[in-house]
Amino acid sequence: MSQKDQDKKFQFALAKENYILLAIGFGIIILGFILMIGGRSNDPAVFNEDIFSFRRITLAPIVVLFGFMFEIYAIMKKPKSEK
């Protein structure tokens, strides 16, 4: 097997830059889910209004959706050609 055939055999589907962007997008999604955490009541007989806070109802889902859009961008981005 020639060196050229071995190079083709071990190529990844995406470039290193794409994988870095995928990791950043994954971090953004995790951050969105962390923002959703909380709002429970210590006493089950008492209703806690904190579950309807802006952070949990509006901000966190927007962050998660942005993370998913960023993931799509990271996959679709063409790597810079190396000369």
PDB file of N, CA and C in Angstrom:
ATOM      1  N   MET A   1       0.845  -1.186   0.000  1.00  0.00           N
ATOM      2  CA  MET A   1       0.000   0.000   0.000  1.00  0.00           C
ATOM      3  C   MET A   1       0.889   1.248   0.000  1.00  0.00           C
ATOM      4  N   SER A   2       0.609   2.184  -0.869  1.00  0.00           N
ATOM      5  CA  SER A   2       1.419   3.398  -0.935  1.00  0.00           C
ATOM      6  C   SER A   2       1.038   4.369   0.181  1.00  0.00           C
ATOM      7  N   GLN A   3       1.897   5.368   0.378  1.00  0.00           N
ATOM      8  CA  GLN A   3       1.660   6.372   1.420  1.00  0.00           C
ATOM      9  C   GLN A   3       0.379   7.151   1.140  1.00  0.00           C
ATOM     10  N   LYS A   4       0.091   7.413  -0.126  1.00  0.00           N
ATOM     11  CA  LYS A   4      -1.110   8.163  -0.495  1.00  0.00           C
ATOM     12  C   LYS A   4      -2.379   7.388  -0.118  1.00  0.00           C
ATOM     13  N   ASP A   5      -2.363   6.074  -0.326  1.00  0.00           N
ATOM     14  CA  ASP A   5      -3.510   5.241   0.041  1.00  0.00           C
ATOM     15  C   ASP A   5      -3.711   5.211   1.546  1.00  0.00           C
ATOM     16  N   GLN A   6      -2.613   5.179   2.301  1.00  0.00           N
ATOM     17  CA  GLN A   6      -2.715   5.186   3.761  1.00  0.00           C
ATOM     18  C   GLN A   6      -3.253   6.510   4.266  1.00  0.00           C
ATOM     19  N   ASP A   7      -2.846   7.621   3.640  1.00  0.00           N
ATOM     20  CA  ASP A   7      -3.349   8.935   4.041  1.00  0.00           C
ATOM     21  C   ASP A   7      -4.856   9.022   3.816  1.00  0.00           C
ATOM     22  N   LYS A   8      -5.338   8.514   2.704  1.00  0.00           N
ATOM     23  CA  LYS A   8      -6.772   8.531   2.430  1.00  0.00           C
ATOM     24  C   LYS A   8      -7.536   7.643   3.407  1.00  0.00           C
ATOM     25  N   LYS A   9      -6.930   6.548   3.811  1.00  0.00           N
ATOM     26  CA  LYS A   9      -7.586   5.600   4.698  1.00  0.00           C
ATOM     27  C   LYS A   9      -7.828   6.199   6.080  1.00  0.00           C
ATOM     28  N   PHE A  10      -6.930   7.057   6.550  1.00  0.00           N
ATOM     29  CA  PHE A  10      -7.018   7.593   7.903  1.00  0.00           C
ATOM     30  C   PHE A  10      -7.531   9.022   7.971  1.00  0.00           C
ATOM     31  N   GLN A  11      -8.183   9.516   6.944  1.00  0.00           N
ATOM     32  CA  GLN A  11      -8.734  10.865   6.977  1.00  0.00           C
ATOM     33  C   GLN A  11     -10.041  10.882   7.747  1.00  0.00           C
ATOM     34  N   PHE A  12     -10.223  11.944   8.540  1.00  0.00           N
ATOM     35  CA  PHE A  12     -11.483  12.133   9.250  1.00  0.00           C
ATOM     36  C   PHE A  12     -12.489  12.799   8.324  1.00  0.00           C
ATOM     37  N   ALA A  13     -13.749  12.710   8.685  1.00  0.00           N
ATOM     38  CA  ALA A  13     -14.804  13.288   7.859  1.00  0.00           C
ATOM     39  C   ALA A  13     -14.758  14.811   7.872  1.00  0.00           C
ATOM     40  N   LEU A  14     -14.341  15.378   9.009  1.00  0.00           N
ATOM     41  CA  LEU A  14     -14.276  16.830   9.143  1.00  0.00           C
ATOM     42  C   LEU A  14     -12.856  17.239   9.513  1.00  0.00           C
ATOM     43  N   ALA A  15     -12.579  18.518   9.375  1.00  0.00           N
ATOM     44  CA  ALA A  15     -11.261  19.048   9.737  1.00  0.00           C
ATOM     45  C   ALA A  15     -11.198  19.315  11.238  1.00  0.00           C
ATOM     46  N   LYS A  16      -9.993  19.562  11.725  1.00  0.00           N
ATOM     47  CA  LYS A  16      -9.785  19.820  13.152  1.00  0.00           C
ATOM     48  C   LYS A  16     -10.602  21.020  13.617  1.00  0.00           C
ATOM     49  N   GLU A  17     -10.666  22.047  12.790  1.00  0.00           N
ATOM     50  CA  GLU A  17     -11.429  23.259  13.118  1.00  0.00           C
ATOM     51  C   GLU A  17     -12.912  22.938  13.344  1.00  0.00           C
ATOM     52  N   ASN A  18     -13.458  22.046  12.529  1.00  0.00           N
ATOM     53  CA  ASN A  18     -14.856  21.657  12.677  1.00  0.00           C
ATOM     54  C   ASN A  18     -15.101  20.948  14.009  1.00  0.00           C
ATOM     55  N   TYR A  19     -14.185  20.089  14.402  1.00  0.00           N
ATOM     56  CA  TYR A  19     -14.339  19.380  15.670  1.00  0.00           C
ATOM     57  C   TYR A  19     -14.240  20.329  16.859  1.00  0.00           C
ATOM     58  N   ILE A  20     -13.390  21.330  16.764  1.00  0.00           N
ATOM     59  CA  ILE A  20     -13.297  22.336  17.826  1.00  0.00           C
ATOM     60  C   ILE A  20     -14.610  23.106  17.920  1.00  0.00           C
ATOM     61  N   LEU A  21     -15.164  23.508  16.782  1.00  0.00           N
ATOM     62  CA  LEU A  21     -16.447  24.218  16.772  1.00  0.00           C
ATOM     63  C   LEU A  21     -17.572  23.328  17.299  1.00  0.00           C
ATOM     64  N   LEU A  22     -17.532  22.037  16.993  1.00  0.00           N
ATOM     65  CA  LEU A  22     -18.536  21.108  17.522  1.00  0.00           C
ATOM     66  C   LEU A  22     -18.460  21.037  19.051  1.00  0.00           C
ATOM     67  N   ALA A  23     -17.248  21.034  19.585  1.00  0.00           N
ATOM     68  CA  ALA A  23     -17.083  21.002  21.041  1.00  0.00           C
ATOM     69  C   ALA A  23     -17.615  22.282  21.681  1.00  0.00           C
ATOM     70  N   ILE A  24     -17.379  23.414  21.044  1.00  0.00           N
ATOM     71  CA  ILE A  24     -17.903  24.691  21.553  1.00  0.00           C
ATOM     72  C   ILE A  24     -19.433  24.674  21.532  1.00  0.00           C
ATOM     73  N   GLY A  25     -20.019  24.197  20.437  1.00  0.00           N
ATOM     74  CA  GLY A  25     -21.479  24.095  20.344  1.00  0.00           C
ATOM     75  C   GLY A  25     -22.052  23.174  21.402  1.00  0.00           C
ATOM     76  N   PHE A  26     -21.370  22.067  21.663  1.00  0.00           N
ATOM     77  CA  PHE A  26     -21.817  21.150  22.703  1.00  0.00           C
ATOM     78  C   PHE A  26     -21.781  21.836  24.073  1.00  0.00           C
ATOM     79  N   GLY A  27     -20.749  22.634  24.302  1.00  0.00           N
ATOM     80  CA  GLY A  27     -20.660  23.390  25.553  1.00  0.00           C
ATOM     81  C   GLY A  27     -21.795  24.388  25.701  1.00  0.00           C
ATOM     82  N   ILE A  28     -22.176  25.042  24.601  1.00  0.00           N
ATOM     83  CA  ILE A  28     -23.290  25.997  24.627  1.00  0.00           C
ATOM     84  C   ILE A  28     -24.600  25.281  24.971  1.00  0.00           C
ATOM     85  N   ILE A  29     -24.804  24.103  24.396  1.00  0.00           N
ATOM     86  CA  ILE A  29     -26.016  23.327  24.690  1.00  0.00           C
ATOM     87  C   ILE A  29     -26.047  22.926  26.158  1.00  0.00           C
ATOM     88  N   ILE A  30     -24.928  22.460  26.676  1.00  0.00           N
ATOM     89  CA  ILE A  30     -24.845  22.078  28.090  1.00  0.00           C
ATOM     90  C   ILE A  30     -25.130  23.287  28.975  1.00  0.00           C
ATOM     91  N   LEU A  31     -24.597  24.457  28.612  1.00  0.00           N
ATOM     92  CA  LEU A  31     -24.860  25.686  29.371  1.00  0.00           C
ATOM     93  C   LEU A  31     -26.359  25.991  29.401  1.00  0.00           C
ATOM     94  N   GLY A  32     -27.038  25.818  28.268  1.00  0.00           N
ATOM     95  CA  GLY A  32     -28.478  26.045  28.218  1.00  0.00           C
ATOM     96  C   GLY A  32     -29.238  25.123  29.146  1.00  0.00           C
ATOM     97  N   PHE A  33     -28.842  23.855  29.208  1.00  0.00           N
ATOM     98  CA  PHE A  33     -29.512  22.930  30.103  1.00  0.00           C
ATOM     99  C   PHE A  33     -29.200  23.241  31.563  1.00  0.00           C
ATOM    100  N   ILE A  34     -27.991  23.718  31.831  1.00  0.00           N
ATOM    101  CA  ILE A  34     -27.656  24.128  33.200  1.00  0.00           C
ATOM    102  C   ILE A  34     -28.514  25.312  33.624  1.00  0.00           C
ATOM    103  N   LEU A  35     -28.787  26.229  32.690  1.00  0.00           N
ATOM    104  CA  LEU A  35     -29.644  27.374  33.000  1.00  0.00           C
ATOM    105  C   LEU A  35     -31.071  26.950  33.329  1.00  0.00           C
ATOM    106  N   MET A  36     -31.494  25.791  32.844  1.00  0.00           N
ATOM    107  CA  MET A  36     -32.843  25.311  33.123  1.00  0.00           C
ATOM    108  C   MET A  36     -32.978  24.673  34.506  1.00  0.00           C
ATOM    109  N   ILE A  37     -31.871  24.357  35.144  1.00  0.00           N
ATOM    110  CA  ILE A  37     -31.895  23.643  36.429  1.00  0.00           C
ATOM    111  C   ILE A  37     -32.481  24.527  37.521  1.00  0.00           C
ATOM    112  N   GLY A  38     -33.201  23.914  38.424  1.00  0.00           N
ATOM    113  CA  GLY A  38     -33.663  24.592  39.635  1.00  0.00           C
ATOM    114  C   GLY A  38     -35.143  24.883  39.620  1.00  0.00           C
ATOM    115  N   GLY A  39     -35.590  25.587  40.680  1.00  0.00           N
ATOM    116  CA  GLY A  39     -36.973  25.995  40.782  1.00  0.00           C
ATOM    117  C   GLY A  39     -37.857  25.044  41.542  1.00  0.00           C
ATOM    118  N   ARG A  40     -37.277  23.993  42.108  1.00  0.00           N
ATOM    119  CA  ARG A  40     -38.133  23.066  42.858  1.00  0.00           C
ATOM    120  C   ARG A  40     -38.355  23.577  44.280  1.00  0.00           C
ATOM    121  N   SER A  41     -39.384  23.101  44.882  1.00  0.00           N
ATOM    122  CA  SER A  41     -39.729  23.485  46.246  1.00  0.00           C
ATOM    123  C   SER A  41     -39.285  22.391  47.207  1.00  0.00           C
ATOM    124  N   ASN A  42     -38.807  22.798  48.376  1.00  0.00           N
ATOM    125  CA  ASN A  42     -38.403  21.822  49.388  1.00  0.00           C
ATOM    126  C   ASN A  42     -39.607  21.099  49.972  1.00  0.00           C
ATOM    127  N   ASP A  43     -40.734  21.778  50.014  1.00  0.00           N
ATOM    128  CA  ASP A  43     -41.969  21.202  50.552  1.00  0.00           C
ATOM    129  C   ASP A  43     -42.902  20.888  49.387  1.00  0.00           C
ATOM    130  N   PRO A  44     -43.283  19.634  49.165  1.00  0.00           N
ATOM    131  CA  PRO A  44     -44.143  19.294  48.032  1.00  0.00           C
ATOM    132  C   PRO A  44     -45.526  19.925  48.096  1.00  0.00           C
ATOM    133  N   ALA A  45     -45.943  20.393  49.255  1.00  0.00           N
ATOM    134  CA  ALA A  45     -47.259  21.011  49.381  1.00  0.00           C
ATOM    135  C   ALA A  45     -47.234  22.487  49.001  1.00  0.00           C
ATOM    136  N   VAL A  46     -46.041  23.045  48.798  1.00  0.00           N
ATOM    137  CA  VAL A  46     -45.906  24.473  48.495  1.00  0.00           C
ATOM    138  C   VAL A  46     -45.452  24.622  47.044  1.00  0.00           C
ATOM    139  N   PHE A  47     -46.160  25.470  46.293  1.00  0.00           N
ATOM    140  CA  PHE A  47     -45.811  25.731  44.899  1.00  0.00           C
ATOM    141  C   PHE A  47     -44.766  26.836  44.835  1.00  0.00           C
ATOM    142  N   ASN A  48     -43.727  26.608  44.085  1.00  0.00           N
ATOM    143  CA  ASN A  48     -42.653  27.585  43.948  1.00  0.00           C
ATOM    144  C   ASN A  48     -42.770  28.276  42.588  1.00  0.00           C
ATOM    145  N   GLU A  49     -42.927  29.591  42.600  1.00  0.00           N
ATOM    146  CA  GLU A  49     -43.074  30.368  41.357  1.00  0.00           C
ATOM    147  C   GLU A  49     -41.774  30.477  40.563  1.00  0.00           C
ATOM    148  N   ASP A  50     -40.639  30.086  41.148  1.00  0.00           N
ATOM    149  CA  ASP A  50     -39.351  30.224  40.463  1.00  0.00           C
ATOM    150  C   ASP A  50     -39.236  29.369  39.212  1.00  0.00           C
ATOM    151  N   ILE A  51     -40.091  28.364  39.067  1.00  0.00           N
ATOM    152  CA  ILE A  51     -40.004  27.540  37.859  1.00  0.00           C
ATOM    153  C   ILE A  51     -40.418  28.334  36.613  1.00  0.00           C
ATOM    154  N   PHE A  52     -41.095  29.443  36.801  1.00  0.00           N
ATOM    155  CA  PHE A  52     -41.534  30.274  35.680  1.00  0.00           C
ATOM    156  C   PHE A  52     -40.657  31.508  35.501  1.00  0.00           C
ATOM    157  N   SER A  53     -39.404  31.453  35.952  1.00  0.00           N
ATOM    158  CA  SER A  53     -38.528  32.613  35.823  1.00  0.00           C
ATOM    159  C   SER A  53     -38.103  32.806  34.369  1.00  0.00           C
ATOM    160  N   PHE A  54     -37.682  34.011  34.043  1.00  0.00           N
ATOM    161  CA  PHE A  54     -37.225  34.348  32.691  1.00  0.00           C
ATOM    162  C   PHE A  54     -36.077  33.434  32.273  1.00  0.00           C
ATOM    163  N   ARG A  55     -35.178  33.151  33.203  1.00  0.00           N
ATOM    164  CA  ARG A  55     -34.012  32.335  32.884  1.00  0.00           C
ATOM    165  C   ARG A  55     -34.412  30.940  32.421  1.00  0.00           C
ATOM    166  N   ARG A  56     -35.383  30.321  33.069  1.00  0.00           N
ATOM    167  CA  ARG A  56     -35.763  28.939  32.750  1.00  0.00           C
ATOM    168  C   ARG A  56     -36.733  28.836  31.571  1.00  0.00           C
ATOM    169  N   ILE A  57     -37.604  29.814  31.414  1.00  0.00           N
ATOM    170  CA  ILE A  57     -38.644  29.738  30.391  1.00  0.00           C
ATOM    171  C   ILE A  57     -38.205  30.344  29.062  1.00  0.00           C
ATOM    172  N   THR A  58     -37.383  31.384  29.095  1.00  0.00           N
ATOM    173  CA  THR A  58     -37.032  32.091  27.872  1.00  0.00           C
ATOM    174  C   THR A  58     -35.552  31.971  27.511  1.00  0.00           C
ATOM    175  N   LEU A  59     -34.686  32.341  28.430  1.00  0.00           N
ATOM    176  CA  LEU A  59     -33.257  32.411  28.131  1.00  0.00           C
ATOM    177  C   LEU A  59     -32.649  31.038  27.837  1.00  0.00           C
ATOM    178  N   ALA A  60     -32.907  30.061  28.683  1.00  0.00           N
ATOM    179  CA  ALA A  60     -32.300  28.737  28.512  1.00  0.00           C
ATOM    180  C   ALA A  60     -32.690  28.066  27.183  1.00  0.00           C
ATOM    181  N   PRO A  61     -33.971  28.064  26.798  1.00  0.00           N
ATOM    182  CA  PRO A  61     -34.295  27.464  25.489  1.00  0.00           C
ATOM    183  C   PRO A  61     -33.656  28.201  24.310  1.00  0.00           C
ATOM    184  N   ILE A  62     -33.519  29.519  24.414  1.00  0.00           N
ATOM    185  CA  ILE A  62     -32.858  30.275  23.350  1.00  0.00           C
ATOM    186  C   ILE A  62     -31.387  29.883  23.261  1.00  0.00           C
ATOM    187  N   VAL A  63     -30.736  29.715  24.405  1.00  0.00           N
ATOM    188  CA  VAL A  63     -29.333  29.311  24.422  1.00  0.00           C
ATOM    189  C   VAL A  63     -29.176  27.912  23.824  1.00  0.00           C
ATOM    190  N   VAL A  64     -30.068  27.003  24.169  1.00  0.00           N
ATOM    191  CA  VAL A  64     -30.000  25.637  23.628  1.00  0.00           C
ATOM    192  C   VAL A  64     -30.218  25.653  22.112  1.00  0.00           C
ATOM    193  N   LEU A  65     -31.196  26.396  21.644  1.00  0.00           N
ATOM    194  CA  LEU A  65     -31.432  26.482  20.192  1.00  0.00           C
ATOM    195  C   LEU A  65     -30.245  27.099  19.469  1.00  0.00           C
ATOM    196  N   PHE A  66     -29.640  28.125  20.068  1.00  0.00           N
ATOM    197  CA  PHE A  66     -28.443  28.712  19.475  1.00  0.00           C
ATOM    198  C   PHE A  66     -27.322  27.674  19.408  1.00  0.00           C
ATOM    199  N   GLY A  67     -27.204  26.853  20.453  1.00  0.00           N
ATOM    200  CA  GLY A  67     -26.188  25.803  20.453  1.00  0.00           C
ATOM    201  C   GLY A  67     -26.403  24.807  19.323  1.00  0.00           C
ATOM    202  N   PHE A  68     -27.656  24.419  19.083  1.00  0.00           N
ATOM    203  CA  PHE A  68     -27.943  23.498  17.985  1.00  0.00           C
ATOM    204  C   PHE A  68     -27.676  24.151  16.620  1.00  0.00           C
ATOM    205  N   MET A  69     -28.010  25.420  16.478  1.00  0.00           N
ATOM    206  CA  MET A  69     -27.706  26.115  15.219  1.00  0.00           C
ATOM    207  C   MET A  69     -26.196  26.224  15.022  1.00  0.00           C
ATOM    208  N   PHE A  70     -25.474  26.457  16.106  1.00  0.00           N
ATOM    209  CA  PHE A  70     -24.017  26.529  16.033  1.00  0.00           C
ATOM    210  C   PHE A  70     -23.431  25.174  15.628  1.00  0.00           C
ATOM    211  N   GLU A  71     -24.027  24.089  16.108  1.00  0.00           N
ATOM    212  CA  GLU A  71     -23.581  22.747  15.721  1.00  0.00           C
ATOM    213  C   GLU A  71     -23.762  22.525  14.217  1.00  0.00           C
ATOM    214  N   ILE A  72     -24.891  22.965  13.679  1.00  0.00           N
ATOM    215  CA  ILE A  72     -25.124  22.829  12.238  1.00  0.00           C
ATOM    216  C   ILE A  72     -24.086  23.624  11.464  1.00  0.00           C
ATOM    217  N   TYR A  73     -23.804  24.834  11.927  1.00  0.00           N
ATOM    218  CA  TYR A  73     -22.766  25.651  11.288  1.00  0.00           C
ATOM    219  C   TYR A  73     -21.412  24.946  11.352  1.00  0.00           C
ATOM    220  N   ALA A  74     -21.086  24.359  12.506  1.00  0.00           N
ATOM    221  CA  ALA A  74     -19.796  23.698  12.678  1.00  0.00           C
ATOM    222  C   ALA A  74     -19.648  22.508  11.730  1.00  0.00           C
ATOM    223  N   ILE A  75     -20.734  21.813  11.483  1.00  0.00           N
ATOM    224  CA  ILE A  75     -20.681  20.668  10.568  1.00  0.00           C
ATOM    225  C   ILE A  75     -20.577  21.139   9.118  1.00  0.00           C
ATOM    226  N   MET A  76     -21.306  22.176   8.763  1.00  0.00           N
ATOM    227  CA  MET A  76     -21.371  22.622   7.372  1.00  0.00           C
ATOM    228  C   MET A  76     -20.178  23.480   6.946  1.00  0.00           C
ATOM    229  N   LYS A  77     -19.447  24.052   7.883  1.00  0.00           N
ATOM    230  CA  LYS A  77     -18.350  24.968   7.568  1.00  0.00           C
ATOM    231  C   LYS A  77     -17.260  24.233   6.816  1.00  0.00           C
ATOM    232  N   LYS A  78     -16.862  24.810   5.698  1.00  0.00           N
ATOM    233  CA  LYS A  78     -15.785  24.228   4.913  1.00  0.00           C
ATOM    234  C   LYS A  78     -14.456  24.647   5.532  1.00  0.00           C
ATOM    235  N   PRO A  79     -13.548  23.707   5.691  1.00  0.00           N
ATOM    236  CA  PRO A  79     -12.236  24.083   6.254  1.00  0.00           C
ATOM    237  C   PRO A  79     -11.441  24.895   5.248  1.00  0.00           C
ATOM    238  N   LYS A  80     -10.573  25.726   5.788  1.00  0.00           N
ATOM    239  CA  LYS A  80      -9.703  26.528   4.913  1.00  0.00           C
ATOM    240  C   LYS A  80      -8.732  25.588   4.221  1.00  0.00           C
ATOM    241  N   SER A  81      -8.547  25.780   2.939  1.00  0.00           N
ATOM    242  CA  SER A  81      -7.648  24.900   2.188  1.00  0.00           C
ATOM    243  C   SER A  81      -6.209  25.223   2.535  1.00  0.00           C
ATOM    244  N   GLU A  82      -5.451  24.176   2.792  1.00  0.00           N
ATOM    245  CA  GLU A  82      -4.026  24.344   3.116  1.00  0.00           C
ATOM    246  C   GLU A  82      -3.228  24.145   1.855  1.00  0.00           C
ATOM    247  N   LYS A  83      -2.325  25.073   1.587  1.00  0.00           N
ATOM    248  CA  LYS A  83      -1.522  24.980   0.373  1.00  0.00           C
ATOM    249  C   LYS A  83      -0.069  24.728   0.723  1.00  0.00           C
TER     250      LYS A  83
END
